[in-house]
Amino acid sequence: MVPFALAGMVAWAIAGLVLLLFRDRLVASGHENWLWICLAGFLWGFPGLAVMMRHDANRRRRRSAAG
């Protein structure tokens, strides 16, 4: 599950960097909040990553106890 969380964080970061290149256009069209949305998506990835790491650790623990 951790790779999915990391991929999501990378996707938000790349989207934010791409949109940063078009910041002037975004401001002119009233869509400057898109940059904040990308930042929020990236930052929300950290709690998601923590949850996925805990999930994977619990799954490994269950598998080792069962086998």
N, C-alpha and C. Protein backbone atom coordinates (compact mmCIF):
# COMPACT_ATOMS: atom_id res chain seq x y z
N MET A 1 0.80 -1.19 0.00
CA MET A 1 0.00 0.00 0.00
C MET A 1 0.85 1.27 0.00
N VAL A 2 2.03 1.19 0.57
CA VAL A 2 2.90 2.37 0.64
C VAL A 2 3.21 2.94 -0.75
N PRO A 3 3.50 2.08 -1.76
CA PRO A 3 3.77 2.65 -3.08
C PRO A 3 2.60 3.47 -3.64
N PHE A 4 1.37 3.08 -3.30
CA PHE A 4 0.22 3.84 -3.77
C PHE A 4 0.18 5.23 -3.13
N ALA A 5 0.47 5.29 -1.84
CA ALA A 5 0.50 6.58 -1.15
C ALA A 5 1.61 7.46 -1.71
N LEU A 6 2.77 6.87 -1.93
CA LEU A 6 3.88 7.64 -2.49
C LEU A 6 3.58 8.12 -3.90
N ALA A 7 2.95 7.25 -4.69
CA ALA A 7 2.60 7.64 -6.06
C ALA A 7 1.62 8.80 -6.06
N GLY A 8 0.67 8.77 -5.15
CA GLY A 8 -0.28 9.88 -5.05
C GLY A 8 0.40 11.17 -4.66
N MET A 9 1.32 11.11 -3.72
CA MET A 9 2.05 12.30 -3.31
C MET A 9 2.90 12.85 -4.46
N VAL A 10 3.54 11.96 -5.19
CA VAL A 10 4.36 12.38 -6.34
C VAL A 10 3.47 13.01 -7.41
N ALA A 11 2.30 12.42 -7.63
CA ALA A 11 1.39 12.96 -8.64
C ALA A 11 0.95 14.38 -8.27
N TRP A 12 0.58 14.59 -7.00
CA TRP A 12 0.18 15.94 -6.57
C TRP A 12 1.34 16.92 -6.68
N ALA A 13 2.56 16.47 -6.33
CA ALA A 13 3.73 17.34 -6.41
C ALA A 13 4.02 17.73 -7.86
N ILE A 14 3.96 16.78 -8.76
CA ILE A 14 4.21 17.07 -10.17
C ILE A 14 3.13 18.00 -10.72
N ALA A 15 1.87 17.72 -10.38
CA ALA A 15 0.79 18.60 -10.84
C ALA A 15 0.99 20.01 -10.34
N GLY A 16 1.40 20.15 -9.09
CA GLY A 16 1.65 21.47 -8.54
C GLY A 16 2.80 22.18 -9.23
N LEU A 17 3.86 21.45 -9.52
CA LEU A 17 5.00 22.07 -10.20
C LEU A 17 4.64 22.48 -11.63
N VAL A 18 3.85 21.66 -12.31
CA VAL A 18 3.42 22.02 -13.66
C VAL A 18 2.53 23.26 -13.60
N LEU A 19 1.60 23.28 -12.66
CA LEU A 19 0.72 24.44 -12.55
C LEU A 19 1.49 25.69 -12.14
N LEU A 20 2.55 25.51 -11.39
CA LEU A 20 3.37 26.66 -10.99
C LEU A 20 3.97 27.36 -12.21
N LEU A 21 4.25 26.58 -13.25
CA LEU A 21 4.77 27.17 -14.48
C LEU A 21 3.73 28.07 -15.16
N PHE A 22 2.46 27.77 -14.92
CA PHE A 22 1.38 28.53 -15.53
C PHE A 22 0.66 29.42 -14.52
N ARG A 23 1.37 29.83 -13.50
CA ARG A 23 0.76 30.59 -12.41
C ARG A 23 0.10 31.87 -12.89
N ASP A 24 0.76 32.60 -13.78
CA ASP A 24 0.18 33.86 -14.28
C ASP A 24 -1.16 33.62 -14.97
N ARG A 25 -1.22 32.59 -15.77
CA ARG A 25 -2.48 32.25 -16.45
C ARG A 25 -3.55 31.83 -15.46
N LEU A 26 -3.15 31.08 -14.45
CA LEU A 26 -4.12 30.65 -13.44
C LEU A 26 -4.70 31.84 -12.69
N VAL A 27 -3.84 32.78 -12.32
CA VAL A 27 -4.31 33.98 -11.61
C VAL A 27 -5.23 34.79 -12.50
N ALA A 28 -4.87 34.94 -13.76
CA ALA A 28 -5.68 35.73 -14.69
C ALA A 28 -7.06 35.11 -14.90
N SER A 29 -7.13 33.79 -14.85
CA SER A 29 -8.42 33.13 -15.09
C SER A 29 -9.17 32.82 -13.79
N GLY A 30 -8.60 33.22 -12.66
CA GLY A 30 -9.27 33.01 -11.38
C GLY A 30 -9.15 31.61 -10.83
N HIS A 31 -8.13 30.88 -11.28
CA HIS A 31 -7.94 29.49 -10.83
C HIS A 31 -6.68 29.33 -10.00
N GLU A 32 -6.27 30.36 -9.29
CA GLU A 32 -5.04 30.27 -8.51
C GLU A 32 -5.17 29.30 -7.35
N ASN A 33 -6.41 28.99 -6.96
CA ASN A 33 -6.60 28.03 -5.87
C ASN A 33 -6.17 26.61 -6.27
N TRP A 34 -6.00 26.33 -7.53
CA TRP A 34 -5.54 25.02 -7.98
C TRP A 34 -4.17 24.69 -7.39
N LEU A 35 -3.32 25.70 -7.25
CA LEU A 35 -2.01 25.47 -6.63
C LEU A 35 -2.18 25.04 -5.18
N TRP A 36 -3.10 25.68 -4.47
CA TRP A 36 -3.35 25.32 -3.07
C TRP A 36 -3.95 23.92 -2.97
N ILE A 37 -4.77 23.56 -3.94
CA ILE A 37 -5.34 22.21 -3.96
C ILE A 37 -4.23 21.17 -4.12
N CYS A 38 -3.28 21.44 -4.99
CA CYS A 38 -2.15 20.52 -5.17
C CYS A 38 -1.32 20.44 -3.89
N LEU A 39 -1.09 21.56 -3.25
CA LEU A 39 -0.34 21.56 -2.00
C LEU A 39 -1.08 20.75 -0.94
N ALA A 40 -2.39 20.95 -0.84
CA ALA A 40 -3.18 20.21 0.14
C ALA A 40 -3.15 18.71 -0.17
N GLY A 41 -3.27 18.34 -1.44
CA GLY A 41 -3.21 16.93 -1.81
C GLY A 41 -1.88 16.31 -1.43
N PHE A 42 -0.80 17.04 -1.66
CA PHE A 42 0.53 16.55 -1.31
C PHE A 42 0.66 16.40 0.21
N LEU A 43 0.24 17.42 0.95
CA LEU A 43 0.38 17.38 2.40
C LEU A 43 -0.51 16.32 3.05
N TRP A 44 -1.71 16.12 2.50
CA TRP A 44 -2.59 15.07 3.02
C TRP A 44 -2.02 13.69 2.73
N GLY A 45 -1.06 13.63 1.84
CA GLY A 45 -0.41 12.36 1.56
C GLY A 45 0.42 11.85 2.74
N PHE A 46 0.91 12.75 3.58
CA PHE A 46 1.72 12.30 4.72
C PHE A 46 0.90 11.49 5.73
N PRO A 47 -0.28 11.96 6.15
CA PRO A 47 -1.08 11.08 7.02
C PRO A 47 -1.49 9.79 6.30
N GLY A 48 -1.78 9.89 5.02
CA GLY A 48 -2.12 8.69 4.25
C GLY A 48 -0.96 7.72 4.21
N LEU A 49 0.24 8.24 4.05
CA LEU A 49 1.43 7.40 4.03
C LEU A 49 1.61 6.71 5.38
N ALA A 50 1.40 7.45 6.46
CA ALA A 50 1.52 6.86 7.80
C ALA A 50 0.51 5.73 7.99
N VAL A 51 -0.72 5.95 7.53
CA VAL A 51 -1.75 4.91 7.64
C VAL A 51 -1.36 3.68 6.84
N MET A 52 -0.86 3.89 5.63
CA MET A 52 -0.49 2.76 4.78
C MET A 52 0.71 2.00 5.36
N MET A 53 1.65 2.71 5.97
CA MET A 53 2.79 2.04 6.59
C MET A 53 2.32 1.19 7.77
N ARG A 54 1.40 1.72 8.54
CA ARG A 54 0.85 0.96 9.67
C ARG A 54 0.08 -0.26 9.16
N HIS A 55 -0.69 -0.07 8.12
CA HIS A 55 -1.46 -1.17 7.52
C HIS A 55 -0.52 -2.28 7.05
N ASP A 56 0.53 -1.92 6.34
CA ASP A 56 1.48 -2.92 5.84
C ASP A 56 2.18 -3.64 6.99
N ALA A 57 2.53 -2.90 8.05
CA ALA A 57 3.19 -3.53 9.20
C ALA A 57 2.26 -4.51 9.88
N ASN A 58 0.99 -4.12 10.03
CA ASN A 58 0.02 -5.03 10.65
C ASN A 58 -0.20 -6.27 9.79
N ARG A 59 -0.24 -6.10 8.47
CA ARG A 59 -0.42 -7.25 7.58
C ARG A 59 0.77 -8.20 7.67
N ARG A 60 1.98 -7.64 7.70
CA ARG A 60 3.18 -8.49 7.85
C ARG A 60 3.15 -9.24 9.17
N ARG A 61 2.73 -8.56 10.23
CA ARG A 61 2.66 -9.19 11.55
C ARG A 61 1.62 -10.33 11.55
N ARG A 62 0.46 -10.11 10.94
CA ARG A 62 -0.57 -11.16 10.88
C ARG A 62 -0.07 -12.35 10.08
N ARG A 63 0.60 -12.10 8.96
CA ARG A 63 1.09 -13.19 8.12
C ARG A 63 2.17 -14.00 8.84
N SER A 64 3.04 -13.34 9.58
CA SER A 64 4.11 -14.08 10.27
C SER A 64 3.53 -14.86 11.45
N ALA A 65 2.48 -14.36 12.08
CA ALA A 65 1.87 -15.08 13.19
C ALA A 65 1.08 -16.29 12.71
N ALA A 66 0.49 -16.19 11.52
CA ALA A 66 -0.32 -17.29 10.97
C ALA A 66 0.55 -18.39 10.38
N GLY A 67 1.72 -18.04 9.94
CA GLY A 67 2.51 -19.02 9.21
C GLY A 67 3.64 -19.52 9.97
